[in-house]
Amino acid sequence: MERVNQLMGFEESMIAMLEEPEAYTELVEAIADFKIAVVDKVVEYYKPDSILTMDDLGTARGPLISAGMYRDVVKNSDTRICQAIREKGVFLHFHSCGAI
């Protein structure tokens, strides 16, 4: 979500998620593909012990989106990124701001 927010702006990103969830999901998945390709290169050339990935999923008061919306639109890409890191035998750190 955070990268989409940076590309489109926060308000437009949230509107797109609600009004065009399929297109939003495609964009999130494309970003995940890129991040996975970066993970592959980082592990190949730098051989890190751990990798940090992050996404702002919440605010100080609670989640930015509903759990259902997260599962439907974002979770698959987050899962793919995390699995790609773990499959390389690298320790995963996942950071998310907010009270989630």
Protein backbone atom coordinates (compact mmCIF):
# COMPACT_ATOMS: atom_id res chain seq x y z
CA MET A 1 0.00 0.00 0.00
CA GLU A 2 2.73 2.45 0.92
CA ARG A 3 4.34 2.37 -2.55
CA VAL A 4 0.97 2.86 -4.24
CA ASN A 5 0.29 5.80 -1.92
CA GLN A 6 3.61 7.30 -2.99
CA LEU A 7 2.83 6.80 -6.68
CA MET A 8 -0.76 8.05 -6.65
CA GLY A 9 -1.04 10.14 -3.53
CA PHE A 10 -2.74 8.90 -0.38
CA GLU A 11 -6.30 10.02 -1.15
CA GLU A 12 -6.25 8.79 -4.75
CA SER A 13 -4.78 5.49 -3.66
CA MET A 14 -7.51 4.89 -1.09
CA ILE A 15 -10.21 5.84 -3.61
CA ALA A 16 -8.69 3.53 -6.23
CA MET A 17 -8.63 0.66 -3.75
CA LEU A 18 -12.37 1.07 -3.18
CA GLU A 19 -13.51 1.96 -6.69
CA GLU A 20 -11.14 -0.21 -8.75
CA PRO A 21 -9.94 -3.03 -6.51
CA GLU A 22 -8.91 -5.28 -9.42
CA ALA A 23 -6.68 -2.60 -10.99
CA TYR A 24 -5.31 -1.67 -7.56
CA THR A 25 -4.49 -5.32 -6.86
CA GLU A 26 -2.72 -5.61 -10.23
CA LEU A 27 -0.55 -2.61 -9.35
CA VAL A 28 0.22 -3.98 -5.88
CA GLU A 29 1.15 -7.34 -7.43
CA ALA A 30 3.42 -5.65 -10.01
CA ILE A 31 5.19 -3.80 -7.20
CA ALA A 32 5.55 -7.10 -5.33
CA ASP A 33 7.11 -8.68 -8.45
CA PHE A 34 9.66 -5.85 -8.53
CA LYS A 35 10.43 -6.16 -4.81
CA ILE A 36 10.91 -9.92 -5.18
CA ALA A 37 13.33 -9.36 -8.07
CA VAL A 38 15.25 -6.90 -5.87
CA VAL A 39 15.33 -9.45 -3.03
CA ASP A 40 16.77 -12.03 -5.44
CA LYS A 41 19.59 -9.67 -6.49
CA VAL A 42 20.30 -8.44 -2.96
CA VAL A 43 20.62 -11.98 -1.66
CA GLU A 44 22.72 -13.07 -4.65
CA TYR A 45 25.22 -10.23 -4.40
CA TYR A 46 25.19 -9.13 -0.75
CA LYS A 47 24.15 -12.29 1.12
CA PRO A 48 22.45 -10.44 4.01
CA ASP A 49 21.48 -12.11 7.28
CA SER A 50 18.18 -10.25 7.32
CA ILE A 51 15.97 -8.06 5.14
CA LEU A 52 13.52 -5.43 6.33
CA THR A 53 10.29 -4.93 4.43
CA MET A 54 7.57 -2.55 5.48
CA ASP A 55 4.16 -1.17 4.76
CA ASP A 56 2.17 1.43 6.65
CA LEU A 57 -1.00 -0.46 7.43
CA GLY A 58 -2.30 1.62 10.29
CA THR A 59 -2.59 4.93 12.05
CA ALA A 60 -2.15 5.75 15.72
CA ARG A 61 -5.82 4.84 16.17
CA GLY A 62 -6.07 1.62 14.18
CA PRO A 63 -5.85 0.05 10.73
CA LEU A 64 -5.97 2.17 7.57
CA ILE A 65 -8.26 -0.35 5.88
CA SER A 66 -10.53 -3.13 7.03
CA ALA A 67 -9.17 -6.62 7.60
CA GLY A 68 -11.35 -7.85 4.74
CA MET A 69 -9.98 -5.24 2.34
CA TYR A 70 -6.44 -6.15 3.38
CA ARG A 71 -7.12 -9.85 2.75
CA ASP A 72 -8.79 -9.17 -0.61
CA VAL A 73 -6.41 -6.57 -2.04
CA VAL A 74 -3.02 -6.49 -0.27
CA LYS A 75 -2.31 -9.67 1.68
CA ASN A 76 -1.29 -11.83 -1.28
CA SER A 77 1.45 -9.45 -2.34
CA ASP A 78 2.76 -9.05 1.23
CA THR A 79 2.75 -12.83 1.62
CA ARG A 80 4.64 -13.34 -1.64
CA ILE A 81 7.33 -10.83 -0.65
CA CYS A 82 7.74 -12.37 2.81
CA GLN A 83 7.88 -15.89 1.38
CA ALA A 84 10.50 -14.86 -1.18
CA ILE A 85 12.71 -13.55 1.62
CA ARG A 86 12.23 -16.63 3.80
CA GLU A 87 12.79 -19.04 0.89
CA LYS A 88 16.23 -17.49 0.42
CA GLY A 89 17.07 -18.47 4.01
CA VAL A 90 17.19 -14.84 5.11
CA PHE A 91 15.66 -13.60 8.35
CA LEU A 92 12.62 -11.43 7.70
CA HIS A 93 11.78 -8.20 9.53
CA PHE A 94 8.32 -6.83 8.67
CA HIS A 95 7.60 -3.34 9.98
CA SER A 96 4.27 -1.59 9.88
CA CYS A 97 3.44 1.73 11.43
CA GLY A 98 0.21 2.12 13.33
CA ALA A 99 -1.93 0.34 15.86
CA ILE A 100 -2.79 -2.77 13.93
